[in-house]
N, C-alpha and C. Protein backbone atom coordinates (compact mmCIF):
# COMPACT_ATOMS: atom_id res chain seq x y z
N UNK A 1 77.60 79.06 98.00
CA UNK A 1 76.69 77.91 98.10
C UNK A 1 75.97 77.95 99.44
N UNK A 2 74.74 77.48 99.42
CA UNK A 2 73.98 77.45 100.67
C UNK A 2 74.50 76.36 101.61
N UNK A 3 74.13 76.49 102.85
CA UNK A 3 74.43 75.47 103.85
C UNK A 3 73.17 74.62 104.04
N UNK A 4 73.35 73.31 104.10
CA UNK A 4 72.22 72.42 104.38
C UNK A 4 72.26 72.14 105.88
N UNK A 5 71.17 72.47 106.54
CA UNK A 5 71.12 72.36 107.99
C UNK A 5 69.82 71.69 108.44
N UNK A 6 69.80 71.26 109.68
CA UNK A 6 68.60 70.64 110.24
C UNK A 6 67.51 71.70 110.44
N UNK A 7 66.31 71.31 110.19
CA UNK A 7 65.13 72.14 110.42
C UNK A 7 64.95 72.41 111.91
N UNK A 8 64.55 73.64 112.23
CA UNK A 8 64.09 73.98 113.58
C UNK A 8 62.80 74.77 113.42
N UNK A 9 62.15 75.04 114.54
CA UNK A 9 60.89 75.79 114.50
C UNK A 9 61.04 77.16 113.83
N UNK A 10 62.23 77.70 113.85
CA UNK A 10 62.50 78.99 113.20
C UNK A 10 62.21 78.91 111.69
N UNK A 11 62.35 77.72 111.13
CA UNK A 11 62.18 77.52 109.69
C UNK A 11 60.75 77.19 109.28
N UNK A 12 59.83 77.10 110.23
CA UNK A 12 58.47 76.63 109.95
C UNK A 12 57.76 77.44 108.87
N UNK A 13 57.81 78.76 108.95
CA UNK A 13 57.11 79.59 107.95
C UNK A 13 57.73 79.42 106.57
N UNK A 14 59.05 79.40 106.49
CA UNK A 14 59.72 79.23 105.19
C UNK A 14 59.42 77.84 104.62
N UNK A 15 59.40 76.82 105.47
CA UNK A 15 59.08 75.46 105.04
C UNK A 15 57.68 75.44 104.42
N UNK A 16 56.75 76.04 105.13
CA UNK A 16 55.37 76.11 104.64
C UNK A 16 55.30 76.90 103.33
N UNK A 17 55.85 78.09 103.33
CA UNK A 17 55.72 78.98 102.17
C UNK A 17 56.36 78.41 100.91
N UNK A 18 57.58 77.88 101.02
CA UNK A 18 58.26 77.33 99.84
C UNK A 18 57.50 76.15 99.26
N UNK A 19 57.07 75.23 100.13
CA UNK A 19 56.36 74.05 99.65
C UNK A 19 54.98 74.40 99.12
N UNK A 20 54.29 75.29 99.78
CA UNK A 20 52.96 75.68 99.31
C UNK A 20 53.04 76.35 97.95
N UNK A 21 54.07 77.16 97.73
CA UNK A 21 54.22 77.86 96.45
C UNK A 21 54.37 76.88 95.29
N UNK A 22 55.26 75.88 95.43
CA UNK A 22 55.44 74.97 94.29
C UNK A 22 54.25 74.03 94.14
N UNK A 23 53.64 73.61 95.24
CA UNK A 23 52.45 72.77 95.13
C UNK A 23 51.33 73.52 94.40
N UNK A 24 51.12 74.77 94.77
CA UNK A 24 50.09 75.59 94.12
C UNK A 24 50.43 75.85 92.66
N UNK A 25 51.71 76.04 92.38
CA UNK A 25 52.15 76.30 91.00
C UNK A 25 51.73 75.17 90.06
N UNK A 26 51.78 73.95 90.55
CA UNK A 26 51.41 72.79 89.73
C UNK A 26 50.01 72.26 90.06
N UNK A 27 49.26 73.02 90.85
CA UNK A 27 47.91 72.65 91.24
C UNK A 27 47.88 71.25 91.88
N UNK A 28 48.83 71.03 92.82
CA UNK A 28 48.96 69.73 93.46
C UNK A 28 48.65 69.74 94.96
N UNK A 29 48.29 70.88 95.50
CA UNK A 29 48.06 70.98 96.94
C UNK A 29 46.86 70.14 97.37
N UNK A 30 47.08 69.27 98.36
CA UNK A 30 46.04 68.40 98.89
C UNK A 30 46.01 68.49 100.42
N UNK A 31 44.97 67.97 101.01
CA UNK A 31 44.83 68.05 102.47
C UNK A 31 46.00 67.36 103.19
N UNK A 32 46.51 66.27 102.62
CA UNK A 32 47.64 65.57 103.24
C UNK A 32 48.87 66.47 103.28
N UNK A 33 49.09 67.24 102.20
CA UNK A 33 50.19 68.20 102.18
C UNK A 33 50.02 69.23 103.29
N UNK A 34 48.84 69.76 103.40
CA UNK A 34 48.58 70.82 104.38
C UNK A 34 48.76 70.31 105.80
N UNK A 35 48.38 69.06 106.04
CA UNK A 35 48.57 68.46 107.36
C UNK A 35 50.07 68.47 107.72
N UNK A 36 50.90 68.09 106.77
CA UNK A 36 52.35 68.06 107.00
C UNK A 36 52.91 69.47 107.13
N UNK A 37 52.51 70.36 106.23
CA UNK A 37 53.04 71.72 106.25
C UNK A 37 52.62 72.48 107.50
N UNK A 38 51.43 72.21 108.01
CA UNK A 38 50.95 72.88 109.21
C UNK A 38 51.64 72.39 110.48
N UNK A 39 52.18 71.18 110.46
CA UNK A 39 52.81 70.62 111.66
C UNK A 39 53.99 69.71 111.28
N UNK A 40 55.05 70.27 110.71
CA UNK A 40 56.18 69.43 110.32
C UNK A 40 56.86 68.75 111.51
N UNK A 41 56.87 69.41 112.64
CA UNK A 41 57.47 68.80 113.84
C UNK A 41 56.71 67.53 114.21
N UNK A 42 55.40 67.63 114.29
CA UNK A 42 54.59 66.49 114.71
C UNK A 42 54.46 65.40 113.67
N UNK A 43 54.37 65.78 112.40
CA UNK A 43 54.12 64.78 111.35
C UNK A 43 55.39 64.15 110.78
N UNK A 44 56.53 64.81 110.98
CA UNK A 44 57.78 64.27 110.42
C UNK A 44 58.80 63.98 111.52
N UNK A 45 59.23 65.00 112.22
CA UNK A 45 60.34 64.85 113.15
C UNK A 45 59.97 63.98 114.36
N UNK A 46 58.85 64.27 114.99
CA UNK A 46 58.45 63.51 116.18
C UNK A 46 58.16 62.05 115.87
N UNK A 47 57.96 61.72 114.61
CA UNK A 47 57.68 60.33 114.20
C UNK A 47 58.94 59.62 113.71
N UNK A 48 60.12 60.25 113.90
CA UNK A 48 61.37 59.59 113.55
C UNK A 48 61.98 60.03 112.24
N UNK A 49 61.42 61.03 111.60
CA UNK A 49 61.95 61.52 110.34
C UNK A 49 62.87 62.72 110.54
N UNK A 50 63.16 63.39 109.45
CA UNK A 50 64.07 64.55 109.50
C UNK A 50 63.69 65.52 108.40
N UNK A 51 63.97 66.79 108.65
CA UNK A 51 63.76 67.83 107.65
C UNK A 51 65.06 68.62 107.54
N UNK A 52 65.42 68.94 106.31
CA UNK A 52 66.62 69.74 106.06
C UNK A 52 66.23 71.00 105.30
N UNK A 53 66.96 72.07 105.56
CA UNK A 53 66.74 73.32 104.86
C UNK A 53 68.05 73.79 104.25
N UNK A 54 67.96 74.37 103.08
CA UNK A 54 69.10 75.01 102.44
C UNK A 54 69.01 76.50 102.77
N UNK A 55 70.05 77.01 103.42
CA UNK A 55 70.04 78.40 103.88
C UNK A 55 71.19 79.15 103.22
N UNK A 56 70.85 80.31 102.68
CA UNK A 56 71.85 81.19 102.08
C UNK A 56 71.57 82.61 102.54
N UNK A 57 72.55 83.23 103.14
CA UNK A 57 72.40 84.60 103.66
C UNK A 57 71.17 84.73 104.55
N UNK A 58 71.01 83.81 105.48
CA UNK A 58 69.90 83.80 106.44
C UNK A 58 68.52 83.60 105.81
N UNK A 59 68.48 83.19 104.56
CA UNK A 59 67.20 82.92 103.88
C UNK A 59 67.10 81.44 103.55
N UNK A 60 65.96 80.84 103.87
CA UNK A 60 65.72 79.45 103.50
C UNK A 60 65.34 79.42 102.02
N UNK A 61 66.14 78.72 101.22
CA UNK A 61 65.90 78.70 99.77
C UNK A 61 65.56 77.29 99.27
N UNK A 62 65.54 76.32 100.18
CA UNK A 62 65.18 74.96 99.78
C UNK A 62 64.87 74.10 100.98
N UNK A 63 64.09 73.06 100.75
CA UNK A 63 63.73 72.13 101.82
C UNK A 63 63.67 70.71 101.29
N UNK A 64 63.82 69.75 102.18
CA UNK A 64 63.61 68.33 101.86
C UNK A 64 63.41 67.59 103.17
N UNK A 65 62.64 66.52 103.12
CA UNK A 65 62.34 65.76 104.32
C UNK A 65 62.36 64.27 104.03
N UNK A 66 62.59 63.51 105.10
CA UNK A 66 62.37 62.06 105.03
C UNK A 66 61.38 61.73 106.15
N UNK A 67 60.33 61.02 105.76
CA UNK A 67 59.26 60.66 106.68
C UNK A 67 59.36 59.16 106.95
N UNK A 68 59.41 58.79 108.22
CA UNK A 68 59.54 57.38 108.59
C UNK A 68 58.33 56.59 108.13
N UNK A 69 58.61 55.47 107.46
CA UNK A 69 57.58 54.58 106.94
C UNK A 69 57.92 53.16 107.40
N UNK A 70 57.33 52.73 108.46
CA UNK A 70 57.62 51.38 108.95
C UNK A 70 58.99 51.33 109.62
N UNK A 71 59.50 50.11 109.79
CA UNK A 71 60.76 49.93 110.51
C UNK A 71 62.01 50.19 109.68
N UNK A 72 61.91 50.04 108.36
CA UNK A 72 63.14 50.07 107.56
C UNK A 72 63.12 51.03 106.39
N UNK A 73 62.11 51.88 106.31
CA UNK A 73 62.04 52.76 105.15
C UNK A 73 61.63 54.17 105.50
N UNK A 74 61.93 55.06 104.57
CA UNK A 74 61.54 56.46 104.68
C UNK A 74 60.98 56.91 103.35
N UNK A 75 60.14 57.91 103.40
CA UNK A 75 59.62 58.54 102.19
C UNK A 75 60.33 59.88 102.01
N UNK A 76 60.88 60.12 100.85
CA UNK A 76 61.44 61.42 100.51
C UNK A 76 60.27 62.33 100.20
N UNK A 77 60.22 63.50 100.85
CA UNK A 77 59.06 64.36 100.72
C UNK A 77 59.44 65.83 100.85
N UNK A 78 58.53 66.67 100.40
CA UNK A 78 58.63 68.12 100.57
C UNK A 78 59.98 68.68 100.14
N UNK A 79 60.44 68.20 98.97
CA UNK A 79 61.69 68.71 98.41
C UNK A 79 61.37 69.80 97.41
N UNK A 80 61.87 70.99 97.68
CA UNK A 80 61.66 72.11 96.78
C UNK A 80 62.80 73.12 96.94
N UNK A 81 63.01 73.89 95.90
CA UNK A 81 63.99 74.97 95.91
C UNK A 81 63.30 76.20 95.35
N UNK A 82 63.54 77.33 96.00
CA UNK A 82 62.96 78.59 95.54
C UNK A 82 63.32 78.83 94.07
N UNK A 83 62.35 79.30 93.32
CA UNK A 83 62.50 79.44 91.87
C UNK A 83 63.77 80.19 91.47
N UNK A 84 64.10 81.25 92.17
CA UNK A 84 65.28 82.06 91.84
C UNK A 84 66.60 81.32 92.06
N UNK A 85 66.55 80.20 92.76
CA UNK A 85 67.77 79.47 93.10
C UNK A 85 67.85 78.10 92.42
N UNK A 86 66.92 77.82 91.53
CA UNK A 86 66.93 76.52 90.85
C UNK A 86 68.06 76.46 89.82
N UNK A 87 68.52 75.25 89.53
CA UNK A 87 69.57 75.06 88.54
C UNK A 87 70.97 75.29 89.09
N UNK A 88 71.10 75.38 90.41
CA UNK A 88 72.40 75.64 91.04
C UNK A 88 72.91 74.45 91.85
N UNK A 89 72.26 73.30 91.73
CA UNK A 89 72.71 72.11 92.44
C UNK A 89 72.18 71.97 93.86
N UNK A 90 71.26 72.82 94.26
CA UNK A 90 70.74 72.78 95.63
C UNK A 90 69.90 71.52 95.86
N UNK A 91 69.13 71.12 94.87
CA UNK A 91 68.34 69.89 95.00
C UNK A 91 69.25 68.69 95.20
N UNK A 92 70.38 68.68 94.51
CA UNK A 92 71.33 67.58 94.67
C UNK A 92 71.87 67.53 96.09
N UNK A 93 72.19 68.71 96.63
CA UNK A 93 72.68 68.77 98.01
C UNK A 93 71.62 68.25 98.99
N UNK A 94 70.38 68.63 98.75
CA UNK A 94 69.29 68.21 99.64
C UNK A 94 69.03 66.71 99.54
N UNK A 95 68.99 66.17 98.32
CA UNK A 95 68.70 64.75 98.18
C UNK A 95 69.84 63.91 98.75
N UNK A 96 71.07 64.36 98.57
CA UNK A 96 72.21 63.62 99.14
C UNK A 96 72.16 63.62 100.66
N UNK A 97 71.75 64.73 101.25
CA UNK A 97 71.62 64.80 102.71
C UNK A 97 70.52 63.85 103.19
N UNK A 98 69.42 63.79 102.46
CA UNK A 98 68.32 62.89 102.83
C UNK A 98 68.74 61.42 102.72
N UNK A 99 69.44 61.07 101.66
CA UNK A 99 69.91 59.68 101.48
C UNK A 99 70.88 59.32 102.60
N UNK A 100 71.81 60.23 102.89
CA UNK A 100 72.79 59.99 103.95
C UNK A 100 72.09 59.79 105.31
N UNK A 101 71.13 60.62 105.62
CA UNK A 101 70.42 60.53 106.90
C UNK A 101 69.60 59.23 106.98
N UNK A 102 68.93 58.87 105.90
CA UNK A 102 68.16 57.63 105.89
C UNK A 102 69.06 56.43 106.16
N UNK A 103 70.24 56.43 105.56
CA UNK A 103 71.20 55.34 105.80
C UNK A 103 71.62 55.32 107.26
N UNK A 104 71.93 56.50 107.81
CA UNK A 104 72.35 56.58 109.22
C UNK A 104 71.27 56.08 110.17
N UNK A 105 70.01 56.28 109.77
CA UNK A 105 68.89 55.84 110.60
C UNK A 105 68.53 54.37 110.38
N UNK A 106 69.32 53.68 109.54
CA UNK A 106 69.14 52.25 109.34
C UNK A 106 68.13 51.85 108.29
N UNK A 107 67.78 52.78 107.42
CA UNK A 107 66.80 52.47 106.37
C UNK A 107 67.41 51.55 105.32
N UNK A 108 66.57 50.69 104.76
CA UNK A 108 67.03 49.88 103.63
C UNK A 108 66.46 50.40 102.30
N UNK A 109 65.54 51.37 102.40
CA UNK A 109 65.03 51.98 101.17
C UNK A 109 64.47 53.37 101.45
N UNK A 110 64.38 54.12 100.37
CA UNK A 110 63.79 55.45 100.38
C UNK A 110 62.80 55.46 99.23
N UNK A 111 61.54 55.79 99.53
CA UNK A 111 60.52 55.81 98.49
C UNK A 111 60.02 57.23 98.29
N UNK A 112 59.25 57.44 97.24
CA UNK A 112 58.66 58.75 97.02
C UNK A 112 57.44 58.62 96.12
N UNK A 113 56.59 59.63 96.22
CA UNK A 113 55.46 59.78 95.33
C UNK A 113 55.62 61.11 94.62
N UNK A 114 55.24 61.14 93.34
CA UNK A 114 55.37 62.38 92.58
C UNK A 114 54.27 62.44 91.53
N UNK A 115 54.41 63.41 90.67
CA UNK A 115 53.45 63.62 89.59
C UNK A 115 54.23 63.78 88.29
N UNK A 116 53.71 63.25 87.20
CA UNK A 116 54.42 63.25 85.92
C UNK A 116 54.79 64.65 85.43
N UNK A 117 54.09 65.68 85.91
CA UNK A 117 54.39 67.05 85.48
C UNK A 117 55.70 67.58 86.06
N UNK A 118 56.21 66.94 87.10
CA UNK A 118 57.43 67.40 87.76
C UNK A 118 58.65 66.75 87.10
N UNK A 119 58.82 67.03 85.83
CA UNK A 119 59.82 66.36 84.99
C UNK A 119 61.25 66.51 85.50
N UNK A 120 61.63 67.70 85.92
CA UNK A 120 62.99 67.92 86.41
C UNK A 120 63.26 67.11 87.68
N UNK A 121 62.28 67.07 88.56
CA UNK A 121 62.44 66.31 89.80
C UNK A 121 62.58 64.82 89.48
N UNK A 122 61.77 64.32 88.58
CA UNK A 122 61.83 62.90 88.23
C UNK A 122 63.18 62.56 87.63
N UNK A 123 63.72 63.43 86.78
CA UNK A 123 65.07 63.20 86.22
C UNK A 123 66.11 63.13 87.34
N UNK A 124 65.98 64.01 88.33
CA UNK A 124 66.92 64.00 89.45
C UNK A 124 66.82 62.69 90.22
N UNK A 125 65.61 62.25 90.51
CA UNK A 125 65.43 61.00 91.24
C UNK A 125 66.05 59.83 90.46
N UNK A 126 65.82 59.79 89.17
CA UNK A 126 66.40 58.73 88.34
C UNK A 126 67.92 58.78 88.37
N UNK A 127 68.48 59.97 88.33
CA UNK A 127 69.94 60.14 88.37
C UNK A 127 70.52 59.53 89.65
N UNK A 128 69.78 59.62 90.74
CA UNK A 128 70.25 59.09 92.01
C UNK A 128 69.88 57.62 92.22
N UNK A 129 69.33 56.99 91.19
CA UNK A 129 69.08 55.56 91.25
C UNK A 129 67.69 55.14 91.67
N UNK A 130 66.78 56.09 91.84
CA UNK A 130 65.40 55.72 92.15
C UNK A 130 64.81 55.00 90.94
N UNK A 131 64.08 53.93 91.21
CA UNK A 131 63.45 53.13 90.17
C UNK A 131 61.93 53.31 90.24
N UNK A 132 61.32 53.35 89.06
CA UNK A 132 59.86 53.47 89.00
C UNK A 132 59.23 52.16 89.46
N UNK A 133 58.11 52.30 90.13
CA UNK A 133 57.34 51.13 90.55
C UNK A 133 55.86 51.47 90.48
N UNK A 134 55.03 50.46 90.63
CA UNK A 134 53.58 50.65 90.56
C UNK A 134 53.12 51.58 91.69
N UNK A 135 52.23 52.48 91.35
CA UNK A 135 51.68 53.40 92.35
C UNK A 135 50.57 52.68 93.11
N UNK A 136 50.79 52.52 94.41
CA UNK A 136 49.73 51.96 95.25
C UNK A 136 49.87 52.53 96.64
N UNK A 137 48.74 52.66 97.30
CA UNK A 137 48.66 53.23 98.65
C UNK A 137 49.25 54.63 98.73
N UNK A 138 49.11 55.41 97.67
CA UNK A 138 49.61 56.78 97.67
C UNK A 138 48.75 57.65 98.58
N UNK A 139 49.40 58.49 99.39
CA UNK A 139 48.63 59.38 100.26
C UNK A 139 48.08 60.61 99.51
N UNK A 140 48.40 60.70 98.22
CA UNK A 140 47.99 61.85 97.42
C UNK A 140 47.17 61.40 96.21
N UNK A 141 46.07 62.08 95.94
CA UNK A 141 45.26 61.77 94.76
C UNK A 141 46.01 62.07 93.47
N UNK A 142 46.88 63.09 93.51
CA UNK A 142 47.60 63.50 92.29
C UNK A 142 48.88 62.70 92.06
N UNK A 143 49.20 61.79 92.95
CA UNK A 143 50.42 60.98 92.80
C UNK A 143 50.22 59.93 91.73
N UNK A 144 50.86 60.13 90.58
CA UNK A 144 50.77 59.13 89.51
C UNK A 144 52.14 58.51 89.23
N UNK A 145 53.11 58.81 90.08
CA UNK A 145 54.44 58.22 89.98
C UNK A 145 54.87 57.78 91.37
N UNK A 146 55.43 56.59 91.45
CA UNK A 146 56.01 56.08 92.68
C UNK A 146 57.40 55.55 92.34
N UNK A 147 58.36 55.86 93.19
CA UNK A 147 59.73 55.42 92.94
C UNK A 147 60.33 54.92 94.24
N UNK A 148 61.38 54.11 94.10
CA UNK A 148 62.06 53.57 95.27
C UNK A 148 63.56 53.50 95.00
N UNK A 149 64.33 53.75 96.05
CA UNK A 149 65.78 53.63 96.01
C UNK A 149 66.17 52.67 97.11
N UNK A 150 66.81 51.57 96.74
CA UNK A 150 67.30 50.61 97.73
C UNK A 150 68.67 51.07 98.19
N UNK A 151 68.82 51.18 99.50
CA UNK A 151 70.06 51.74 100.06
C UNK A 151 71.07 50.66 100.40
């Protein structure tokens, strides 16, 4: 099983490449994504969020982040697992780490934006108790799903 560890600058290329690949696969890449992928330190970590990577045999095979949103919430973002490693429970490990970290940072909720085509991801979010809500103020044009988990 992979180890879930904190992101460092060493992981920047893998973070970019893994996320860009799945975004492109579903034709979901937008300027907001690229802003985050080009500067994860500045757009996520320096603003009070966190990024986690799943590492197996010195290879980053998955990523997930929580982005600080106001005083009491975080957005779950940039969660992906390399295609060859899907179906092995890595997404569960990543989402659990994100939920745990959000709680430690004092969050009362974790929200997310997604797209209806990401059926497996949506099932995972529902399994962890995320509830569907009206999509508003989405930073992505392709976001047609919004969910929230009260912690």
